[in-house]
Amino acid sequence: MTVNEVLAWEKSFGNHNIRAIAGHENYKLQLNQTSATRTGFPFPGTTELNTAATLENAGSYTDKHTIEGYFSSVNYDFDQKYLLSGSFRRDGTSRFFKDNRWGNFIPQVRDGEFRRNPLCKI
C-alpha cells in the first residue's frame, strides 16, 4: 500500500514570486509465505497435501517493510531574474536498526542563478 499527500502553494507580490511544495509518502508491504512438501500420495494426480503419507518439509515466514518520507521545496525569484531554491527530504525505513532508521537529505540549494540579466550574458 502506498499513500502520497502533496501540498503546493504559490504567491506573488510585486516582482517577488514564491513557490513551495511539501509532501508525505508512506509505503507498507507485508508478505506472508507458507510452503510444504509431502510424499507418498496414494493415487497419481492427487494434489491435496493431507492425503500424502510423509511430511518432507514445511515452513512459513512473514516479512513486513515500511518506508516513510517527508519532502519540501521552496523557490523564490525576483523579477524572474534572480533565483533562490532549496529543498529538503527526510526518509525512514523499517529495514534499519531503530536508532538509524531516519536520514536527512538536502539534494540541492542554489542561489545567484541569473536569467535574462544583461550583465551576465554568455
PDB file of N, CA and C in Angstrom:
ATOM      1  N   MET A   1       0.850  -1.166   0.000  1.00  0.00           N
ATOM      2  CA  MET A   1       0.000   0.000   0.000  1.00  0.00           C
ATOM      3  C   MET A   1       0.903   1.238   0.000  1.00  0.00           C
ATOM      4  N   THR A   2       0.600   2.160  -0.855  1.00  0.00           N
ATOM      5  CA  THR A   2       1.345   3.417  -0.928  1.00  0.00           C
ATOM      6  C   THR A   2       0.373   4.576  -0.774  1.00  0.00           C
ATOM      7  N   VAL A   3       0.734   5.553   0.058  1.00  0.00           N
ATOM      8  CA  VAL A   3      -0.081   6.746   0.273  1.00  0.00           C
ATOM      9  C   VAL A   3       0.810   7.960   0.047  1.00  0.00           C
ATOM     10  N   ASN A   4       0.345   8.914  -0.748  1.00  0.00           N
ATOM     11  CA  ASN A   4       1.068  10.157  -1.006  1.00  0.00           C
ATOM     12  C   ASN A   4       0.148  11.340  -0.757  1.00  0.00           C
ATOM     13  N   GLU A   5       0.669  12.341  -0.083  1.00  0.00           N
ATOM     14  CA  GLU A   5      -0.039  13.603   0.098  1.00  0.00           C
ATOM     15  C   GLU A   5       0.919  14.714  -0.316  1.00  0.00           C
ATOM     16  N   VAL A   6       0.432  15.653  -1.117  1.00  0.00           N
ATOM     17  CA  VAL A   6       1.271  16.749  -1.599  1.00  0.00           C
ATOM     18  C   VAL A   6       0.479  18.052  -1.507  1.00  0.00           C
ATOM     19  N   LEU A   7       1.128  19.073  -0.963  1.00  0.00           N
ATOM     20  CA  LEU A   7       0.550  20.411  -0.905  1.00  0.00           C
ATOM     21  C   LEU A   7       1.431  21.357  -1.713  1.00  0.00           C
ATOM     22  N   ALA A   8       0.795  22.234  -2.484  1.00  0.00           N
ATOM     23  CA  ALA A   8       1.540  23.228  -3.262  1.00  0.00           C
ATOM     24  C   ALA A   8       0.979  24.605  -2.943  1.00  0.00           C
ATOM     25  N   TRP A   9       1.868  25.590  -2.917  1.00  0.00           N
ATOM     26  CA  TRP A   9       1.482  26.956  -2.604  1.00  0.00           C
ATOM     27  C   TRP A   9       2.280  27.897  -3.482  1.00  0.00           C
ATOM     28  N   GLU A  10       1.639  28.969  -3.944  1.00  0.00           N
ATOM     29  CA  GLU A  10       2.311  29.953  -4.787  1.00  0.00           C
ATOM     30  C   GLU A  10       1.771  31.332  -4.452  1.00  0.00           C
ATOM     31  N   LYS A  11       2.684  32.311  -4.373  1.00  0.00           N
ATOM     32  CA  LYS A  11       2.290  33.680  -4.041  1.00  0.00           C
ATOM     33  C   LYS A  11       3.214  34.647  -4.764  1.00  0.00           C
ATOM     34  N   SER A  12       2.626  35.680  -5.345  1.00  0.00           N
ATOM     35  CA  SER A  12       3.394  36.754  -5.987  1.00  0.00           C
ATOM     36  C   SER A  12       2.967  38.074  -5.386  1.00  0.00           C
ATOM     37  N   PHE A  13       3.967  38.924  -5.159  1.00  0.00           N
ATOM     38  CA  PHE A  13       3.674  40.275  -4.709  1.00  0.00           C
ATOM     39  C   PHE A  13       4.735  41.184  -5.308  1.00  0.00           C
ATOM     40  N   GLY A  14       4.270  42.082  -6.175  1.00  0.00           N
ATOM     41  CA  GLY A  14       5.212  42.927  -6.913  1.00  0.00           C
ATOM     42  C   GLY A  14       6.077  42.055  -7.809  1.00  0.00           C
ATOM     43  N   ASN A  15       7.381  42.255  -7.738  1.00  0.00           N
ATOM     44  CA  ASN A  15       8.335  41.463  -8.521  1.00  0.00           C
ATOM     45  C   ASN A  15       8.800  40.201  -7.795  1.00  0.00           C
ATOM     46  N   HIS A  16       8.270  39.935  -6.635  1.00  0.00           N
ATOM     47  CA  HIS A  16       8.677  38.791  -5.836  1.00  0.00           C
ATOM     48  C   HIS A  16       7.715  37.614  -6.078  1.00  0.00           C
ATOM     49  N   ASN A  17       8.264  36.435  -6.288  1.00  0.00           N
ATOM     50  CA  ASN A  17       7.464  35.230  -6.520  1.00  0.00           C
ATOM     51  C   ASN A  17       7.986  34.103  -5.633  1.00  0.00           C
ATOM     52  N   ILE A  18       7.080  33.456  -4.933  1.00  0.00           N
ATOM     53  CA  ILE A  18       7.444  32.342  -4.056  1.00  0.00           C
ATOM     54  C   ILE A  18       6.579  31.134  -4.430  1.00  0.00           C
ATOM     55  N   ARG A  19       7.223  29.998  -4.545  1.00  0.00           N
ATOM     56  CA  ARG A  19       6.526  28.740  -4.794  1.00  0.00           C
ATOM     57  C   ARG A  19       7.042  27.716  -3.787  1.00  0.00           C
ATOM     58  N   ALA A  20       6.126  26.970  -3.193  1.00  0.00           N
ATOM     59  CA  ALA A  20       6.527  25.966  -2.197  1.00  0.00           C
ATOM     60  C   ALA A  20       5.715  24.692  -2.415  1.00  0.00           C
ATOM     61  N   ILE A  21       6.341  23.588  -2.080  1.00  0.00           N
ATOM     62  CA  ILE A  21       5.680  22.290  -2.141  1.00  0.00           C
ATOM     63  C   ILE A  21       6.134  21.494  -0.916  1.00  0.00           C
ATOM     64  N   ALA A  22       5.206  20.763  -0.338  1.00  0.00           N
ATOM     65  CA  ALA A  22       5.525  19.902   0.806  1.00  0.00           C
ATOM     66  C   ALA A  22       4.708  18.630   0.666  1.00  0.00           C
ATOM     67  N   GLY A  23       5.280  17.535   1.116  1.00  0.00           N
ATOM     68  CA  GLY A  23       4.552  16.293   0.971  1.00  0.00           C
ATOM     69  C   GLY A  23       4.999  15.202   1.911  1.00  0.00           C
ATOM     70  N   HIS A  24       4.227  14.135   1.883  1.00  0.00           N
ATOM     71  CA  HIS A  24       4.460  12.971   2.729  1.00  0.00           C
ATOM     72  C   HIS A  24       4.209  11.733   1.877  1.00  0.00           C
ATOM     73  N   GLU A  25       5.028  10.717   2.081  1.00  0.00           N
ATOM     74  CA  GLU A  25       4.880   9.463   1.347  1.00  0.00           C
ATOM     75  C   GLU A  25       5.035   8.310   2.331  1.00  0.00           C
ATOM     76  N   ASN A  26       4.152   7.322   2.231  1.00  0.00           N
ATOM     77  CA  ASN A  26       4.211   6.162   3.109  1.00  0.00           C
ATOM     78  C   ASN A  26       3.987   4.911   2.270  1.00  0.00           C
ATOM     79  N   TYR A  27       4.855   3.932   2.451  1.00  0.00           N
ATOM     80  CA  TYR A  27       4.791   2.677   1.704  1.00  0.00           C
ATOM     81  C   TYR A  27       4.866   1.529   2.711  1.00  0.00           C
ATOM     82  N   LYS A  28       3.907   0.631   2.657  1.00  0.00           N
ATOM     83  CA  LYS A  28       3.897  -0.537   3.544  1.00  0.00           C
ATOM     84  C   LYS A  28       3.738  -1.801   2.719  1.00  0.00           C
ATOM     85  N   LEU A  29       4.514  -2.811   3.077  1.00  0.00           N
ATOM     86  CA  LEU A  29       4.448  -4.100   2.410  1.00  0.00           C
ATOM     87  C   LEU A  29       4.440  -5.191   3.466  1.00  0.00           C
ATOM     88  N   GLN A  30       3.526  -6.126   3.343  1.00  0.00           N
ATOM     89  CA  GLN A  30       3.533  -7.307   4.197  1.00  0.00           C
ATOM     90  C   GLN A  30       3.435  -8.516   3.292  1.00  0.00           C
ATOM     91  N   LEU A  31       4.406  -9.395   3.408  1.00  0.00           N
ATOM     92  CA  LEU A  31       4.461 -10.606   2.597  1.00  0.00           C
ATOM     93  C   LEU A  31       4.368 -11.801   3.529  1.00  0.00           C
ATOM     94  N   ASN A  32       3.384 -12.661   3.303  1.00  0.00           N
ATOM     95  CA  ASN A  32       3.213 -13.891   4.067  1.00  0.00           C
ATOM     96  C   ASN A  32       3.447 -15.058   3.126  1.00  0.00           C
ATOM     97  N   GLN A  33       4.350 -15.942   3.494  1.00  0.00           N
ATOM     98  CA  GLN A  33       4.631 -17.097   2.642  1.00  0.00           C
ATOM     99  C   GLN A  33       4.591 -18.374   3.471  1.00  0.00           C
ATOM    100  N   THR A  34       3.950 -19.387   2.903  1.00  0.00           N
ATOM    101  CA  THR A  34       3.873 -20.709   3.523  1.00  0.00           C
ATOM    102  C   THR A  34       4.211 -21.742   2.463  1.00  0.00           C
ATOM    103  N   SER A  35       5.020 -22.725   2.842  1.00  0.00           N
ATOM    104  CA  SER A  35       5.354 -23.778   1.889  1.00  0.00           C
ATOM    105  C   SER A  35       5.420 -25.115   2.629  1.00  0.00           C
ATOM    106  N   ALA A  36       5.126 -26.181   1.891  1.00  0.00           N
ATOM    107  CA  ALA A  36       5.180 -27.531   2.469  1.00  0.00           C
ATOM    108  C   ALA A  36       5.415 -28.537   1.352  1.00  0.00           C
ATOM    109  N   THR A  37       6.110 -29.619   1.691  1.00  0.00           N
ATOM    110  CA  THR A  37       6.349 -30.723   0.752  1.00  0.00           C
ATOM    111  C   THR A  37       6.004 -32.026   1.451  1.00  0.00           C
ATOM    112  N   ARG A  38       5.187 -32.839   0.766  1.00  0.00           N
ATOM    113  CA  ARG A  38       4.850 -34.160   1.292  1.00  0.00           C
ATOM    114  C   ARG A  38       5.011 -35.177   0.167  1.00  0.00           C
ATOM    115  N   THR A  39       5.297 -36.407   0.542  1.00  0.00           N
ATOM    116  CA  THR A  39       5.427 -37.501  -0.436  1.00  0.00           C
ATOM    117  C   THR A  39       4.554 -38.676  -0.009  1.00  0.00           C
ATOM    118  N   GLY A  40       4.411 -39.608  -0.900  1.00  0.00           N
ATOM    119  CA  GLY A  40       3.643 -40.812  -0.589  1.00  0.00           C
ATOM    120  C   GLY A  40       2.160 -40.650  -0.848  1.00  0.00           C
ATOM    121  N   PHE A  41       1.798 -40.013  -1.952  1.00  0.00           N
ATOM    122  CA  PHE A  41       0.386 -39.861  -2.296  1.00  0.00           C
ATOM    123  C   PHE A  41      -0.194 -41.225  -2.684  1.00  0.00           C
ATOM    124  N   PRO A  42      -1.419 -41.531  -2.268  1.00  0.00           N
ATOM    125  CA  PRO A  42      -1.990 -42.855  -2.536  1.00  0.00           C
ATOM    126  C   PRO A  42      -2.385 -43.069  -4.002  1.00  0.00           C
ATOM    127  N   PHE A  43      -2.700 -41.985  -4.708  1.00  0.00           N
ATOM    128  CA  PHE A  43      -3.145 -42.109  -6.094  1.00  0.00           C
ATOM    129  C   PHE A  43      -2.403 -41.092  -6.961  1.00  0.00           C
ATOM    130  N   PRO A  44      -2.050 -41.438  -8.182  1.00  0.00           N
ATOM    131  CA  PRO A  44      -1.434 -40.474  -9.088  1.00  0.00           C
ATOM    132  C   PRO A  44      -2.395 -39.311  -9.367  1.00  0.00           C
ATOM    133  N   GLY A  45      -1.836 -38.099  -9.453  1.00  0.00           N
ATOM    134  CA  GLY A  45      -2.650 -36.914  -9.748  1.00  0.00           C
ATOM    135  C   GLY A  45      -3.256 -36.264  -8.517  1.00  0.00           C
ATOM    136  N   THR A  46      -3.080 -36.848  -7.353  1.00  0.00           N
ATOM    137  CA  THR A  46      -3.611 -36.246  -6.127  1.00  0.00           C
ATOM    138  C   THR A  46      -2.718 -35.071  -5.729  1.00  0.00           C
ATOM    139  N   THR A  47      -3.323 -33.937  -5.424  1.00  0.00           N
ATOM    140  CA  THR A  47      -2.529 -32.748  -5.097  1.00  0.00           C
ATOM    141  C   THR A  47      -2.792 -32.208  -3.695  1.00  0.00           C
ATOM    142  N   GLU A  48      -3.738 -32.763  -2.968  1.00  0.00           N
ATOM    143  CA  GLU A  48      -4.010 -32.295  -1.614  1.00  0.00           C
ATOM    144  C   GLU A  48      -2.947 -32.841  -0.664  1.00  0.00           C
ATOM    145  N   LEU A  49      -2.297 -31.959   0.082  1.00  0.00           N
ATOM    146  CA  LEU A  49      -1.218 -32.377   0.978  1.00  0.00           C
ATOM    147  C   LEU A  49      -1.695 -33.328   2.077  1.00  0.00           C
ATOM    148  N   ASN A  50      -2.933 -33.196   2.503  1.00  0.00           N
ATOM    149  CA  ASN A  50      -3.444 -34.046   3.584  1.00  0.00           C
ATOM    150  C   ASN A  50      -3.439 -35.526   3.239  1.00  0.00           C
ATOM    151  N   THR A  51      -3.534 -35.869   1.952  1.00  0.00           N
ATOM    152  CA  THR A  51      -3.612 -37.286   1.573  1.00  0.00           C
ATOM    153  C   THR A  51      -2.247 -37.950   1.476  1.00  0.00           C
ATOM    154  N   ALA A  52      -1.150 -37.184   1.510  1.00  0.00           N
ATOM    155  CA  ALA A  52       0.196 -37.755   1.405  1.00  0.00           C
ATOM    156  C   ALA A  52       0.620 -38.356   2.744  1.00  0.00           C
ATOM    157  N   ALA A  53       1.471 -39.372   2.672  1.00  0.00           N
ATOM    158  CA  ALA A  53       1.862 -40.116   3.870  1.00  0.00           C
ATOM    159  C   ALA A  53       2.968 -39.443   4.673  1.00  0.00           C
ATOM    160  N   THR A  54       3.936 -38.809   4.014  1.00  0.00           N
ATOM    161  CA  THR A  54       5.128 -38.331   4.711  1.00  0.00           C
ATOM    162  C   THR A  54       5.339 -36.834   4.506  1.00  0.00           C
ATOM    163  N   LEU A  55       5.542 -36.105   5.611  1.00  0.00           N
ATOM    164  CA  LEU A  55       5.880 -34.693   5.551  1.00  0.00           C
ATOM    165  C   LEU A  55       7.385 -34.570   5.353  1.00  0.00           C
ATOM    166  N   GLU A  56       7.802 -33.987   4.248  1.00  0.00           N
ATOM    167  CA  GLU A  56       9.224 -33.817   3.958  1.00  0.00           C
ATOM    168  C   GLU A  56       9.765 -32.486   4.492  1.00  0.00           C
ATOM    169  N   ASN A  57       8.984 -31.450   4.313  1.00  0.00           N
ATOM    170  CA  ASN A  57       9.454 -30.122   4.673  1.00  0.00           C
ATOM    171  C   ASN A  57       8.246 -29.199   4.826  1.00  0.00           C
ATOM    172  N   ALA A  58       8.329 -28.254   5.756  1.00  0.00           N
ATOM    173  CA  ALA A  58       7.273 -27.249   5.922  1.00  0.00           C
ATOM    174  C   ALA A  58       7.896 -26.004   6.528  1.00  0.00           C
ATOM    175  N   GLY A  59       7.391 -24.865   6.122  1.00  0.00           N
ATOM    176  CA  GLY A  59       7.908 -23.617   6.666  1.00  0.00           C
ATOM    177  C   GLY A  59       7.007 -22.446   6.317  1.00  0.00           C
ATOM    178  N   SER A  60       7.216 -21.347   7.024  1.00  0.00           N
ATOM    179  CA  SER A  60       6.466 -20.128   6.736  1.00  0.00           C
ATOM    180  C   SER A  60       7.243 -18.942   7.280  1.00  0.00           C
ATOM    181  N   TYR A  61       6.968 -17.784   6.718  1.00  0.00           N
ATOM    182  CA  TYR A  61       7.551 -16.561   7.270  1.00  0.00           C
ATOM    183  C   TYR A  61       6.699 -15.364   6.856  1.00  0.00           C
ATOM    184  N   THR A  62       6.855 -14.300   7.601  1.00  0.00           N
ATOM    185  CA  THR A  62       6.189 -13.035   7.322  1.00  0.00           C
ATOM    186  C   THR A  62       7.271 -11.964   7.240  1.00  0.00           C
ATOM    187  N   ASP A  63       7.191 -11.139   6.212  1.00  0.00           N
ATOM    188  CA  ASP A  63       8.131 -10.033   6.029  1.00  0.00           C
ATOM    189  C   ASP A  63       7.331  -8.742   5.982  1.00  0.00           C
ATOM    190  N   LYS A  64       7.638  -7.832   6.887  1.00  0.00           N
ATOM    191  CA  LYS A  64       6.973  -6.525   6.918  1.00  0.00           C
ATOM    192  C   LYS A  64       8.023  -5.458   6.652  1.00  0.00           C
ATOM    193  N   HIS A  65       7.656  -4.493   5.829  1.00  0.00           N
ATOM    194  CA  HIS A  65       8.593  -3.439   5.432  1.00  0.00           C
ATOM    195  C   HIS A  65       7.813  -2.139   5.287  1.00  0.00           C
ATOM    196  N   THR A  66       8.346  -1.075   5.870  1.00  0.00           N
ATOM    197  CA  THR A  66       7.713   0.240   5.787  1.00  0.00           C
ATOM    198  C   THR A  66       8.754   1.279   5.407  1.00  0.00           C
ATOM    199  N   ILE A  67       8.370   2.167   4.516  1.00  0.00           N
ATOM    200  CA  ILE A  67       9.193   3.333   4.154  1.00  0.00           C
ATOM    201  C   ILE A  67       8.311   4.564   4.329  1.00  0.00           C
ATOM    202  N   GLU A  68       8.861   5.587   4.956  1.00  0.00           N
ATOM    203  CA  GLU A  68       8.118   6.825   5.137  1.00  0.00           C
ATOM    204  C   GLU A  68       9.024   7.991   4.811  1.00  0.00           C
ATOM    205  N   GLY A  69       8.476   9.005   4.161  1.00  0.00           N
ATOM    206  CA  GLY A  69       9.291  10.150   3.783  1.00  0.00           C
ATOM    207  C   GLY A  69       8.501  11.443   3.823  1.00  0.00           C
ATOM    208  N   TYR A  70       9.225  12.517   4.097  1.00  0.00           N
ATOM    209  CA  TYR A  70       8.678  13.868   4.085  1.00  0.00           C
ATOM    210  C   TYR A  70       9.581  14.694   3.176  1.00  0.00           C
ATOM    211  N   PHE A  71       8.998  15.547   2.361  1.00  0.00           N
ATOM    212  CA  PHE A  71       9.801  16.337   1.445  1.00  0.00           C
ATOM    213  C   PHE A  71       9.235  17.744   1.312  1.00  0.00           C
ATOM    214  N   SER A  72      10.126  18.672   0.941  1.00  0.00           N
ATOM    215  CA  SER A  72       9.706  20.059   0.745  1.00  0.00           C
ATOM    216  C   SER A  72      10.653  20.739  -0.234  1.00  0.00           C
ATOM    217  N   SER A  73      10.138  21.759  -0.862  1.00  0.00           N
ATOM    218  CA  SER A  73      10.926  22.549  -1.795  1.00  0.00           C
ATOM    219  C   SER A  73      10.367  23.967  -1.802  1.00  0.00           C
ATOM    220  N   VAL A  74      11.261  24.950  -1.801  1.00  0.00           N
ATOM    221  CA  VAL A  74      10.857  26.352  -1.855  1.00  0.00           C
ATOM    222  C   VAL A  74      11.672  27.035  -2.943  1.00  0.00           C
ATOM    223  N   ASN A  75      10.990  27.808  -3.779  1.00  0.00           N
ATOM    224  CA  ASN A  75      11.640  28.570  -4.841  1.00  0.00           C
ATOM    225  C   ASN A  75      11.228  30.029  -4.716  1.00  0.00           C
ATOM    226  N   TYR A  76      12.202  30.900  -4.784  1.00  0.00           N
ATOM    227  CA  TYR A  76      11.958  32.344  -4.751  1.00  0.00           C
ATOM    228  C   TYR A  76      12.636  32.961  -5.957  1.00  0.00           C
ATOM    229  N   ASP A  77      11.954  33.890  -6.585  1.00  0.00           N
ATOM    230  CA  ASP A  77      12.625  34.665  -7.629  1.00  0.00           C
ATOM    231  C   ASP A  77      12.199  36.118  -7.540  1.00  0.00           C
ATOM    232  N   PHE A  78      13.125  36.965  -7.934  1.00  0.00           N
ATOM    233  CA  PHE A  78      12.858  38.393  -8.009  1.00  0.00           C
ATOM    234  C   PHE A  78      12.843  38.775  -9.477  1.00  0.00           C
ATOM    235  N   ASP A  79      11.696  39.196  -9.933  1.00  0.00           N
ATOM    236  CA  ASP A  79      11.520  39.679 -11.303  1.00  0.00           C
ATOM    237  C   ASP A  79      11.914  38.611 -12.338  1.00  0.00           C
ATOM    238  N   GLN A  80      11.774  37.362 -12.012  1.00  0.00           N
ATOM    239  CA  GLN A  80      12.132  36.233 -12.869  1.00  0.00           C
ATOM    240  C   GLN A  80      13.575  36.309 -13.372  1.00  0.00           C
ATOM    241  N   LYS A  81      14.444  36.948 -12.575  1.00  0.00           N
ATOM    242  CA  LYS A  81      15.862  37.063 -12.938  1.00  0.00           C
ATOM    243  C   LYS A  81      16.764  36.415 -11.906  1.00  0.00           C
ATOM    244  N   TYR A  82      16.509  36.683 -10.649  1.00  0.00           N
ATOM    245  CA  TYR A  82      17.375  36.206  -9.577  1.00  0.00           C
ATOM    246  C   TYR A  82      16.623  35.125  -8.800  1.00  0.00           C
ATOM    247  N   LEU A  83      17.238  33.979  -8.698  1.00  0.00           N
ATOM    248  CA  LEU A  83      16.555  32.828  -8.109  1.00  0.00           C
ATOM    249  C   LEU A  83      17.235  32.345  -6.838  1.00  0.00           C
ATOM    250  N   LEU A  84      16.436  31.837  -5.943  1.00  0.00           N
ATOM    251  CA  LEU A  84      16.915  31.137  -4.763  1.00  0.00           C
ATOM    252  C   LEU A  84      16.033  29.903  -4.619  1.00  0.00           C
ATOM    253  N   SER A  85      16.655  28.738  -4.528  1.00  0.00           N
ATOM    254  CA  SER A  85      15.898  27.492  -4.493  1.00  0.00           C
ATOM    255  C   SER A  85      16.522  26.562  -3.460  1.00  0.00           C
ATOM    256  N   GLY A  86      15.677  25.859  -2.739  1.00  0.00           N
ATOM    257  CA  GLY A  86      16.177  24.891  -1.770  1.00  0.00           C
ATOM    258  C   GLY A  86      15.161  23.778  -1.560  1.00  0.00           C
ATOM    259  N   SER A  87      15.654  22.625  -1.187  1.00  0.00           N
ATOM    260  CA  SER A  87      14.761  21.508  -0.917  1.00  0.00           C
ATOM    261  C   SER A  87      15.325  20.664   0.219  1.00  0.00           C
ATOM    262  N   PHE A  88      14.449  19.875   0.808  1.00  0.00           N
ATOM    263  CA  PHE A  88      14.828  19.037   1.944  1.00  0.00           C
ATOM    264  C   PHE A  88      13.970  17.779   1.902  1.00  0.00           C
ATOM    265  N   ARG A  89      14.555  16.653   2.290  1.00  0.00           N
ATOM    266  CA  ARG A  89      13.826  15.390   2.356  1.00  0.00           C
ATOM    267  C   ARG A  89      14.290  14.618   3.591  1.00  0.00           C
ATOM    268  N   ARG A  90      13.344  13.988   4.256  1.00  0.00           N
ATOM    269  CA  ARG A  90      13.634  13.136   5.413  1.00  0.00           C
ATOM    270  C   ARG A  90      12.956  11.801   5.160  1.00  0.00           C
ATOM    271  N   ASP A  91      13.761  10.732   5.144  1.00  0.00           N
ATOM    272  CA  ASP A  91      13.249   9.396   4.858  1.00  0.00           C
ATOM    273  C   ASP A  91      13.599   8.435   5.981  1.00  0.00           C
ATOM    274  N   GLY A  92      12.689   7.499   6.219  1.00  0.00           N
ATOM    275  CA  GLY A  92      12.922   6.456   7.204  1.00  0.00           C
ATOM    276  C   GLY A  92      12.480   5.113   6.656  1.00  0.00           C
ATOM    277  N   THR A  93      13.112   4.042   7.140  1.00  0.00           N
ATOM    278  CA  THR A  93      12.754   2.700   6.706  1.00  0.00           C
ATOM    279  C   THR A  93      12.822   1.736   7.887  1.00  0.00           C
ATOM    280  N   SER A  94      11.950   0.769   7.889  1.00  0.00           N
ATOM    281  CA  SER A  94      11.943  -0.235   8.949  1.00  0.00           C
ATOM    282  C   SER A  94      13.057  -1.258   8.769  1.00  0.00           C
ATOM    283  N   ARG A  95      13.754  -1.225   7.664  1.00  0.00           N
ATOM    284  CA  ARG A  95      14.829  -2.188   7.397  1.00  0.00           C
ATOM    285  C   ARG A  95      16.075  -1.934   8.258  1.00  0.00           C
ATOM    286  N   PHE A  96      16.206  -0.718   8.767  1.00  0.00           N
ATOM    287  CA  PHE A  96      17.388  -0.379   9.563  1.00  0.00           C
ATOM    288  C   PHE A  96      17.080  -0.451  11.054  1.00  0.00           C
ATOM    289  N   PHE A  97      18.129  -0.536  11.865  1.00  0.00           N
ATOM    290  CA  PHE A  97      18.011  -0.515  13.318  1.00  0.00           C
ATOM    291  C   PHE A  97      17.317   0.778  13.730  1.00  0.00           C
ATOM    292  N   LYS A  98      16.488   0.739  14.762  1.00  0.00           N
ATOM    293  CA  LYS A  98      15.645   1.895  15.085  1.00  0.00           C
ATOM    294  C   LYS A  98      16.427   3.180  15.372  1.00  0.00           C
ATOM    295  N   ASP A  99      17.666   3.089  15.836  1.00  0.00           N
ATOM    296  CA  ASP A  99      18.457   4.298  16.069  1.00  0.00           C
ATOM    297  C   ASP A  99      19.015   4.894  14.780  1.00  0.00           C
ATOM    298  N   ASN A 100      18.964   4.147  13.678  1.00  0.00           N
ATOM    299  CA  ASN A 100      19.497   4.619  12.395  1.00  0.00           C
ATOM    300  C   ASN A 100      18.454   4.574  11.281  1.00  0.00           C
ATOM    301  N   ARG A 101      17.210   4.622  11.625  1.00  0.00           N
ATOM    302  CA  ARG A 101      16.142   4.492  10.625  1.00  0.00           C
ATOM    303  C   ARG A 101      15.951   5.710   9.755  1.00  0.00           C
ATOM    304  N   TRP A 102      16.249   6.867  10.242  1.00  0.00           N
ATOM    305  CA  TRP A 102      15.925   8.111   9.546  1.00  0.00           C
ATOM    306  C   TRP A 102      17.174   8.785   9.009  1.00  0.00           C
ATOM    307  N   GLY A 103      17.033   9.363   7.823  1.00  0.00           N
ATOM    308  CA  GLY A 103      18.110  10.134   7.218  1.00  0.00           C
ATOM    309  C   GLY A 103      17.561  11.433   6.667  1.00  0.00           C
ATOM    310  N   ASN A 104      18.385  12.474   6.707  1.00  0.00           N
ATOM    311  CA  ASN A 104      18.027  13.789   6.176  1.00  0.00           C
ATOM    312  C   ASN A 104      18.832  14.043   4.917  1.00  0.00           C
ATOM    313  N   PHE A 105      18.173  14.590   3.919  1.00  0.00           N
ATOM    314  CA  PHE A 105      18.819  14.812   2.633  1.00  0.00           C
ATOM    315  C   PHE A 105      18.527  16.221   2.143  1.00  0.00           C
ATOM    316  N   ILE A 106      19.576  16.916   1.754  1.00  0.00           N
ATOM    317  CA  ILE A 106      19.438  18.240   1.156  1.00  0.00           C
ATOM    318  C   ILE A 106      19.975  18.119  -0.269  1.00  0.00           C
ATOM    319  N   PRO A 107      19.108  17.749  -1.225  1.00  0.00           N
ATOM    320  CA  PRO A 107      19.608  17.465  -2.566  1.00  0.00           C
ATOM    321  C   PRO A 107      20.138  18.668  -3.312  1.00  0.00           C
ATOM    322  N   GLN A 108      19.589  19.849  -3.030  1.00  0.00           N
ATOM    323  CA  GLN A 108      20.122  20.991  -3.761  1.00  0.00           C
ATOM    324  C   GLN A 108      19.762  22.271  -3.052  1.00  0.00           C
ATOM    325  N   VAL A 109      20.713  23.157  -3.024  1.00  0.00           N
ATOM    326  CA  VAL A 109      20.487  24.520  -2.573  1.00  0.00           C
ATOM    327  C   VAL A 109      21.234  25.396  -3.557  1.00  0.00           C
ATOM    328  N   ARG A 110      20.520  26.296  -4.199  1.00  0.00           N
ATOM    329  CA  ARG A 110      21.150  27.146  -5.204  1.00  0.00           C
ATOM    330  C   ARG A 110      20.813  28.596  -4.905  1.00  0.00           C
ATOM    331  N   ASP A 111      21.736  29.446  -5.195  1.00  0.00           N
ATOM    332  CA  ASP A 111      21.428  30.868  -5.174  1.00  0.00           C
ATOM    333  C   ASP A 111      22.240  31.569  -6.253  1.00  0.00           C
ATOM    334  N   GLY A 112      21.802  32.726  -6.604  1.00  0.00           N
ATOM    335  CA  GLY A 112      22.551  33.523  -7.569  1.00  0.00           C
ATOM    336  C   GLY A 112      22.453  33.033  -8.997  1.00  0.00           C
ATOM    337  N   GLU A 113      21.437  32.274  -9.356  1.00  0.00           N
ATOM    338  CA  GLU A 113      21.273  31.902 -10.763  1.00  0.00           C
ATOM    339  C   GLU A 113      20.640  33.090 -11.467  1.00  0.00           C
ATOM    340  N   PHE A 114      21.264  33.525 -12.507  1.00  0.00           N
ATOM    341  CA  PHE A 114      20.792  34.710 -13.204  1.00  0.00           C
ATOM    342  C   PHE A 114      20.166  34.315 -14.534  1.00  0.00           C
ATOM    343  N   ARG A 115      19.012  34.858 -14.800  1.00  0.00           N
ATOM    344  CA  ARG A 115      18.365  34.640 -16.089  1.00  0.00           C
ATOM    345  C   ARG A 115      18.058  35.998 -16.697  1.00  0.00           C
ATOM    346  N   ARG A 116      18.284  36.108 -17.967  1.00  0.00           N
ATOM    347  CA  ARG A 116      17.982  37.320 -18.720  1.00  0.00           C
ATOM    348  C   ARG A 116      18.586  38.565 -18.082  1.00  0.00           C
ATOM    349  N   ASN A 117      19.747  38.414 -17.467  1.00  0.00           N
ATOM    350  CA  ASN A 117      20.424  39.548 -16.869  1.00  0.00           C
ATOM    351  C   ASN A 117      21.433  40.089 -17.865  1.00  0.00           C
ATOM    352  N   PRO A 118      21.311  41.353 -18.284  1.00  0.00           N
ATOM    353  CA  PRO A 118      22.230  41.893 -19.283  1.00  0.00           C
ATOM    354  C   PRO A 118      23.683  41.923 -18.822  1.00  0.00           C
ATOM    355  N   LEU A 119      23.935  41.902 -17.518  1.00  0.00           N
ATOM    356  CA  LEU A 119      25.303  41.910 -17.006  1.00  0.00           C
ATOM    357  C   LEU A 119      25.960  40.547 -17.095  1.00  0.00           C
ATOM    358  N   CYS A 120      25.167  39.491 -17.293  1.00  0.00           N
ATOM    359  CA  CYS A 120      25.680  38.130 -17.243  1.00  0.00           C
ATOM    360  C   CYS A 120      25.502  37.392 -18.555  1.00  0.00           C
ATOM    361  N   LYS A 121      25.517  38.075 -19.672  1.00  0.00           N
ATOM    362  CA  LYS A 121      25.368  37.405 -20.963  1.00  0.00           C
ATOM    363  C   LYS A 121      26.606  36.576 -21.271  1.00  0.00           C
ATOM    364  N   ILE A 122      26.377  35.361 -21.722  1.00  0.00           N
ATOM    365  CA  ILE A 122      27.485  34.458 -22.070  1.00  0.00           C
ATOM    366  C   ILE A 122      27.420  34.129 -23.544  1.00  0.00           C
TER     367      ILE A 122
END
